[in-house]
């Protein structure tokens, strides 16, 4: 697996321990979906998807703006 690099080019840790307060409803939702997988893994995957969606949205918006300027 290729390790990811941060903005400054520094290697990012594979995992990092953090303390975070989440709504009980959020935790219960992910615990119910997790089954044998860890619910924290599912939360991590959901956060990654949110980041990717945000990046994709920005790319689509930028592309549309550029195309509209050409016409």
N, C-alpha and C. Protein backbone atom coordinates (compact mmCIF):
# COMPACT_ATOMS: atom_id res chain seq x y z
N UNK A 1 0.84 -1.19 0.00
CA UNK A 1 0.00 0.00 0.00
C UNK A 1 0.88 1.24 0.00
N UNK A 2 0.56 2.19 -0.84
CA UNK A 2 1.32 3.43 -0.94
C UNK A 2 0.85 4.38 0.16
N UNK A 3 1.79 4.93 0.89
CA UNK A 3 1.44 5.89 1.95
C UNK A 3 1.15 7.24 1.33
N UNK A 4 0.19 7.94 1.89
CA UNK A 4 -0.20 9.23 1.37
C UNK A 4 0.68 10.33 1.95
N UNK A 5 0.79 11.40 1.22
CA UNK A 5 1.57 12.56 1.66
C UNK A 5 0.63 13.72 1.90
N UNK A 6 0.98 14.55 2.86
CA UNK A 6 0.21 15.74 3.18
C UNK A 6 0.55 16.87 2.23
N UNK A 7 0.01 18.04 2.51
CA UNK A 7 0.21 19.21 1.66
C UNK A 7 1.69 19.56 1.53
N UNK A 8 2.44 19.47 2.61
CA UNK A 8 3.86 19.83 2.60
C UNK A 8 4.73 18.69 2.07
N UNK A 9 4.13 17.58 1.65
CA UNK A 9 4.89 16.46 1.12
C UNK A 9 5.34 15.47 2.18
N UNK A 10 5.03 15.74 3.42
CA UNK A 10 5.41 14.86 4.53
C UNK A 10 4.52 13.62 4.52
N UNK A 11 5.12 12.45 4.80
CA UNK A 11 4.32 11.22 4.87
C UNK A 11 3.31 11.32 6.00
N UNK A 12 2.08 10.93 5.71
CA UNK A 12 1.04 10.95 6.72
C UNK A 12 1.03 9.61 7.46
N UNK A 13 0.71 9.63 8.75
CA UNK A 13 0.61 8.36 9.47
C UNK A 13 -0.55 7.54 8.92
N UNK A 14 -0.42 6.23 8.97
CA UNK A 14 -1.51 5.38 8.46
C UNK A 14 -2.78 5.62 9.26
N UNK A 15 -2.64 5.65 10.55
CA UNK A 15 -3.78 5.92 11.44
C UNK A 15 -3.29 6.85 12.54
N UNK A 16 -4.19 7.64 13.06
CA UNK A 16 -3.86 8.57 14.13
C UNK A 16 -4.97 8.54 15.16
N UNK A 17 -4.60 8.40 16.42
CA UNK A 17 -5.60 8.35 17.49
C UNK A 17 -6.08 9.77 17.78
N UNK A 18 -7.41 9.92 17.83
CA UNK A 18 -8.03 11.21 18.17
C UNK A 18 -9.18 10.96 19.14
N UNK A 19 -9.50 11.98 19.89
CA UNK A 19 -10.70 11.95 20.73
C UNK A 19 -11.73 12.85 20.07
N UNK A 20 -12.93 12.35 19.90
CA UNK A 20 -13.97 13.11 19.22
C UNK A 20 -15.31 12.79 19.88
N UNK A 21 -16.14 13.79 20.00
CA UNK A 21 -17.49 13.59 20.52
C UNK A 21 -18.46 13.56 19.36
N UNK A 22 -19.22 12.47 19.27
CA UNK A 22 -20.22 12.30 18.22
C UNK A 22 -21.58 12.15 18.86
N UNK A 23 -22.61 12.53 18.13
CA UNK A 23 -23.97 12.33 18.60
C UNK A 23 -24.22 10.84 18.80
N UNK A 24 -24.98 10.50 19.82
CA UNK A 24 -25.30 9.10 20.08
C UNK A 24 -25.97 8.44 18.90
N UNK A 25 -26.81 9.17 18.19
CA UNK A 25 -27.50 8.65 17.02
C UNK A 25 -26.49 8.23 15.94
N UNK A 26 -25.44 9.02 15.77
CA UNK A 26 -24.41 8.72 14.76
C UNK A 26 -23.69 7.43 15.14
N UNK A 27 -23.27 7.32 16.39
CA UNK A 27 -22.55 6.14 16.85
C UNK A 27 -23.43 4.90 16.70
N UNK A 28 -24.68 4.98 17.13
CA UNK A 28 -25.58 3.83 17.04
C UNK A 28 -25.82 3.42 15.60
N UNK A 29 -25.94 4.39 14.71
CA UNK A 29 -26.13 4.10 13.29
C UNK A 29 -24.96 3.28 12.75
N UNK A 30 -23.74 3.73 13.01
CA UNK A 30 -22.57 3.04 12.49
C UNK A 30 -22.35 1.70 13.18
N UNK A 31 -22.66 1.60 14.46
CA UNK A 31 -22.54 0.31 15.15
C UNK A 31 -23.52 -0.70 14.56
N UNK A 32 -24.72 -0.25 14.24
CA UNK A 32 -25.73 -1.14 13.66
C UNK A 32 -25.31 -1.61 12.26
N UNK A 33 -24.68 -0.73 11.49
CA UNK A 33 -24.24 -1.08 10.14
C UNK A 33 -22.98 -1.93 10.14
N UNK A 34 -22.17 -1.82 11.19
CA UNK A 34 -20.82 -2.40 11.19
C UNK A 34 -20.81 -3.92 11.20
N UNK A 35 -21.71 -4.53 11.94
CA UNK A 35 -21.65 -5.98 12.06
C UNK A 35 -20.33 -6.38 12.70
N UNK A 36 -19.57 -7.24 12.02
CA UNK A 36 -18.28 -7.68 12.56
C UNK A 36 -17.16 -6.69 12.29
N UNK A 37 -17.34 -5.80 11.34
CA UNK A 37 -16.35 -4.75 11.09
C UNK A 37 -16.46 -3.74 12.22
N UNK A 38 -15.42 -3.02 12.45
CA UNK A 38 -15.47 -2.00 13.48
C UNK A 38 -16.28 -0.80 13.03
N UNK A 39 -17.09 -0.27 13.91
CA UNK A 39 -17.89 0.91 13.54
C UNK A 39 -16.99 2.11 13.29
N UNK A 40 -15.84 2.16 13.95
CA UNK A 40 -14.92 3.28 13.72
C UNK A 40 -14.38 3.24 12.30
N UNK A 41 -14.18 2.04 11.77
CA UNK A 41 -13.73 1.90 10.38
C UNK A 41 -14.78 2.46 9.43
N UNK A 42 -16.04 2.19 9.71
CA UNK A 42 -17.11 2.73 8.86
C UNK A 42 -17.18 4.25 8.94
N UNK A 43 -17.01 4.79 10.12
CA UNK A 43 -17.01 6.25 10.26
C UNK A 43 -15.85 6.84 9.48
N UNK A 44 -14.68 6.21 9.55
CA UNK A 44 -13.51 6.67 8.81
C UNK A 44 -13.78 6.65 7.30
N UNK A 45 -14.38 5.57 6.81
CA UNK A 45 -14.71 5.46 5.39
C UNK A 45 -15.73 6.52 4.97
N UNK A 46 -16.71 6.80 5.82
CA UNK A 46 -17.71 7.82 5.51
C UNK A 46 -17.06 9.20 5.42
N UNK A 47 -16.12 9.46 6.30
CA UNK A 47 -15.42 10.75 6.26
C UNK A 47 -14.55 10.87 5.00
N UNK A 48 -13.90 9.78 4.61
CA UNK A 48 -13.11 9.80 3.37
C UNK A 48 -14.01 10.08 2.16
N UNK A 49 -15.18 9.42 2.13
CA UNK A 49 -16.12 9.65 1.02
C UNK A 49 -16.59 11.09 0.98
N UNK A 50 -16.81 11.68 2.14
CA UNK A 50 -17.22 13.09 2.20
C UNK A 50 -16.13 13.99 1.62
N UNK A 51 -14.88 13.69 1.92
CA UNK A 51 -13.76 14.48 1.39
C UNK A 51 -13.69 14.32 -0.13
N UNK A 52 -13.82 13.08 -0.61
CA UNK A 52 -13.77 12.84 -2.05
C UNK A 52 -14.93 13.53 -2.77
N UNK A 53 -16.11 13.50 -2.18
CA UNK A 53 -17.29 14.14 -2.79
C UNK A 53 -17.08 15.64 -2.88
N UNK A 54 -16.50 16.21 -1.82
CA UNK A 54 -16.23 17.65 -1.80
C UNK A 54 -15.24 18.01 -2.91
N UNK A 55 -14.20 17.19 -3.07
CA UNK A 55 -13.21 17.43 -4.12
C UNK A 55 -13.84 17.29 -5.49
N UNK A 56 -14.67 16.27 -5.67
CA UNK A 56 -15.32 16.04 -6.95
C UNK A 56 -16.27 17.19 -7.28
N UNK A 57 -17.00 17.66 -6.28
CA UNK A 57 -17.93 18.78 -6.51
C UNK A 57 -17.16 20.01 -6.98
N UNK A 58 -16.04 20.29 -6.34
CA UNK A 58 -15.23 21.45 -6.75
C UNK A 58 -14.72 21.31 -8.16
N UNK A 59 -14.29 20.10 -8.54
CA UNK A 59 -13.80 19.86 -9.89
C UNK A 59 -14.92 20.06 -10.92
N UNK A 60 -16.10 19.54 -10.64
CA UNK A 60 -17.23 19.68 -11.56
C UNK A 60 -17.62 21.15 -11.70
N UNK A 61 -17.69 21.85 -10.58
CA UNK A 61 -18.05 23.28 -10.63
C UNK A 61 -17.03 24.07 -11.45
N UNK A 62 -15.75 23.81 -11.23
CA UNK A 62 -14.69 24.52 -11.94
C UNK A 62 -14.77 24.23 -13.44
N UNK A 63 -15.01 22.97 -13.79
CA UNK A 63 -15.11 22.58 -15.20
C UNK A 63 -16.30 23.26 -15.86
N UNK A 64 -17.43 23.30 -15.18
CA UNK A 64 -18.63 23.95 -15.74
C UNK A 64 -18.37 25.44 -15.95
N UNK A 65 -17.75 26.08 -14.95
CA UNK A 65 -17.44 27.51 -15.09
C UNK A 65 -16.54 27.76 -16.29
N UNK A 66 -15.51 26.93 -16.46
CA UNK A 66 -14.59 27.09 -17.59
C UNK A 66 -15.31 26.91 -18.92
N UNK A 67 -16.17 25.91 -18.99
CA UNK A 67 -16.91 25.65 -20.23
C UNK A 67 -17.89 26.78 -20.53
N UNK A 68 -18.51 27.33 -19.50
CA UNK A 68 -19.45 28.44 -19.71
C UNK A 68 -18.74 29.69 -20.20
N UNK A 69 -17.51 29.89 -19.77
CA UNK A 69 -16.74 31.05 -20.23
C UNK A 69 -16.34 30.92 -21.69
N UNK A 70 -16.22 29.70 -22.16
CA UNK A 70 -15.82 29.49 -23.56
C UNK A 70 -16.94 29.80 -24.53
N UNK A 71 -18.19 29.75 -24.05
CA UNK A 71 -19.33 29.97 -24.96
C UNK A 71 -19.75 31.42 -24.97
